[in-house]
Amino acid sequence: MIIAVLRHHVRTIARFARPSLVPAVIAAAVVAAGGHIYERQNRENFRNELKSKVENELNLIASRLKAEINENIAALTGFADGVAMRPDMAPEDLGELAARLLRQNPLMIRVSAAKNGIVGSAFPQDSQQWFAGTDFRKFRSTRSAVERAAWTARPVMVGPVRLPSGRSGFELFLPVFPKAADRVKPWGFVEAVLDDKALYRAAHLQKEGRVLPQISGERSQVDLRLAIRDISVSDNVQDAFLGEDELFRSAPVIRRLHLPGGTWELAAVPAGGWVQEPENADDIRLAIVAAVAVVVIPILLTGGLVNERQRNIAQLKARESEVMALSHRLNLALEASKIGIWEIDLQTQERRWDDQMFHLHGLVPGGRDPSYEDWRSIVHPDDIGPASMALFRSLDEGLEYRSQYRVVLPDGGIRHIRNVGSGHEGADGRANITGISWDVTDDVLMTEQLKAAKAMADLRNAELADAKDRIEHNALHDPLTGLGNRRMLDKALEWLSSEADDRLPGIALLHIDLDRFKQINDTLGHAAGDAMLVHASRILRSSVAADDIVARIGGDEFVVVIAGAPDDAALAALCERIIAEMRQPVDYNGFPCRFGVSIGIAVARGATIDARKLLVNADIALYRAKESGRNRHQFFTETLEAEVVTTKRMADEILEGIERDEFVPWYQPQFDASTLALAGVEALIRWQHPRDGILPPDRFLRIAEELNVTAVLDRMVLEKSLADQMRWAAAGLRVPKISVNVSAKRLQDKDLLATLEGLSIAPGQIAFELVESIFLDESDEVVTTNIEGIKKLGIDIEIDDFGTGHTSIISLLKIKPKRLKIDRQLVAPVIGARMEQALVRSIIDIGRSLGIETVAEGVETMAHAEMLGILGCDLLQGYAFSRPLSSDKFLAFARAGPADGLLRADPRRQISPPPRKVFSP
């Protein structure tokens, strides 16, 4: 019995699943194949990730090694600088200097000074007996290193080497070039030995070459096997001095570390080797099996259900055909009928209908007459009560029976039946009601359509009225914030100016502008900007009274009109409250957005108020608030108005000065740091003002930038500089090059290259100085194209004020300027500050490594000039040589032979420092 039941269930399931068996097998095969591909891809991804982790760890190790070595090279460079400054210092001073070096650099186990390559002093003292008198040029192991150091004038590291004490380490050689008279000659070398074991410990390495599990408090990404060897000589690769040589033949990750005087090659492989099983392999196989089940089972179930549905649909279609045939016959009967006759026996409650009544009520005539319950069953439930009450009322009052009710037809339709009847007695004396019924469905529908049309017309009239109100509202309100717009503000100001009386003692107007709104709009999108505007509008609306006017008149500008003009203290408190609330961060999709607000305040009191002028005054105060640092408020005063008038007059005079060609270049000479020969000039803009005389740029440049005429001024300076250069050449003076400042506006000019091509500039004749704050790393396409075109025209590129802005090494590699101008803030303290000396030396070394010359500006004394020459600077410029001069005075200065006078000058000669450069100083 049980077996029979099981067979029955199996057959049922097979019949149920048979239609979807083939799709289920195909789906299972596809999912299994996809799972197999995914598993292979997972293994490949695991190996790639393992390799990436090894590369990351190896780069980290290389960075630590290089950092430690560079730190000790920098320290040894400081020691060499001390020897260079005092080559004949007493042994006690030299010992103190060396002791300090060893204390501050625990990796160093020995340091020595070797004049002419022969060790005179070695530290600590226990090294003196072993090492004093050693000639580095005598031994092959050190001769090559010192010769390379002397030839390149840079540090050289060799090793590891074995010391007499039994320890081993890496030797560092650094040449010393002291300044003697007017020329530089080598003095000798300083040498230091770095303890190799201490270096490995500092780089977090074990002797065997494994990465320590704990690195700076964080876990290592992967356990490594590491080996390091010296490949400085390509045809004589050394054995690994750390780790095993065999590691280099095990498909390792290779990282080359370039060090002074040589190159190390680092190789690393995972501690467990490259062939490893991913940790999630079992999970993936289990997921593949689950995926097959999840796909196949629904396919089988769906196929069976679809098969059952098809059978049910076939049965339903057969029944539907029967219903449609019946409905067709019923419709023919209803269309032929018009009026039905009925009769009710009031004593027995029997009803007698003719065939038409049956048709009207959707019934088939024949058989018995309908009962009251039959009638109730076909009449709409809502109409049974009113129809019955109308019948009872006509009987009680002896009136004619009239009623109308709805009949629910068999097909679900509604038919409206109107009834008219009257009571009478039959021949047998029994009371009856006889009447007629007819179909009034069409009349009812027409009436309903007329009512609907009337309701629609009324609705449209109401919508037109609402639309009119909305149009008027939208015309006066900002759709985003719901505040009033500029038009509403104009109407309110017009009313305040014309209708205000003694009841309004005055008004205060706040002109508000959001700070840093553009950055939010540009970085997070317009939706974020809209959210910030809505947030700001809510703060403003909640901060003032309900009858005060708050309007948005621009992108991020708002105006608040306060009637009654409270005192200044109350207005200041209101502004501070608004500023404080605006300063709070606003969350937008998980990003905290911060922005500030600047507020200009204008107040008018009295019977006569010019509201429009008040808006202008508030705008002036807003401008001053933003100019003073933003995120603050500012009251309008007559002083502000006077400053605006002065600025306007200055702006008009600048435009007139451009038309009258009043802007001219002045020249500050630049000298070769080695020979003090004239190497060029920098063209600095001046304004020959007809009333105030010669004006420096800090008197007019800010206003010129606001007028957007800085590019015009740049062009004028360039053209006049070229003309002056030709005039000097005619007078017998050759100026190698002229440096001209170029503003960001000028670089963004699409017609810049066409203008320069028409000037016939010889290669190297002109150099363009670009201020470092232009953010050259993020230059747009026009700026990049212009810079490349400028270089192709033979015009050199110089980076001005280097060391104070945002220029990166990537920018230098990308732009490849001809020169770097070291800012005066770095030059001024270079005499007595070792840190500044090291920083300036680093800038010079960076420039030389990239083939870039360096110019030191702000050289105020000949001592500065001497020190900068020692540090390797190429060109010098500053008040120690000359102030900026007009074209004629510069010609006279150059003819007088300034270089000879400078060579004989007191090296401590001091001239008052120049004012801070604003633009083209």
Foldseek 3Di string as FASTA:
>chain_A
DVVVVVVVVVVVLCVLLVVLPVVLVVVLVVLLVVLVVVLVVVLVVVLVVQQVLQVVVVVLLLVLLQVLVVVLQVLVVVLLVVCQAPVPDDPVVNQVSVVVSCVVRVQWPKKFFAFVQFTCDMPDPVCCVVRHGDRLCVDPQRVVQQVVCVVVQAKAKDDQDADPVRFTFIKIKGWHWHDDDQDIDTGYIMMTTGGPVVSCVSSQADQQQWHDQADPNDGRPAIKGKWKWWCFDVVDTDATPGHHNCQVVQPFDWDWRDDHRGIMIMTMAGPVGSDDRDPCSVVSVVVSVVVSVVPSVVSSNVSSVVVVVVVVVVVVVVVVVVVVVVVVVLVVLLVPAFKKKKKAFPVVRFIDTDQSVCSLLQHGDDDDGDHPVNVCVFWDVVQPVVQVVQVVVCVVVVHWRWDWTWTQHPVRDIWIKIKTWGWDADPVRTIMIIIMIGTCRVVVVVVVVVVVVVVVVVVVVVVVVVVVVVVVQVVQADPLQRAGEPVVVVVVLVCCQPPDAPVFQKKKKKKKFKAPLVVCCVPVHVVSSSVLQNVLSVLVCVLDDVPWGWYDYDSGIIMIMGTNFDDPVVVQVSLLVSQVVLQAWDDDPNDTDGIGMEMFMFMDGDGHDNSVVSVVQSVLQSVVRVVVPGSHYGYRDVVSVVVVVVLVVLLVQVVVQLVVVQKEWFWFFKAFLSQRHTAAIETFIWGCRPPPGTDHCVVRVVSCVVVVCVLVSQVSHVLRVVVLQVVLVVVVDHGQEYEGEDEPSNLLDLCNLVVVVVNPDDASHYEYEYEQASPLVPDDPSNLVSLVSCVVSNYFYEYECPPPHDDDLVSCVSSVGQEYEHHLVLLVPCQPDVVSLVVLLVVCVSCVVSNHAYEYEQQFFLSSSNSVVVSPHTMYTHVNQHDTGHSVVVSVVVVVPSSVVSVPDDRGDGDPTDDDDDGSD
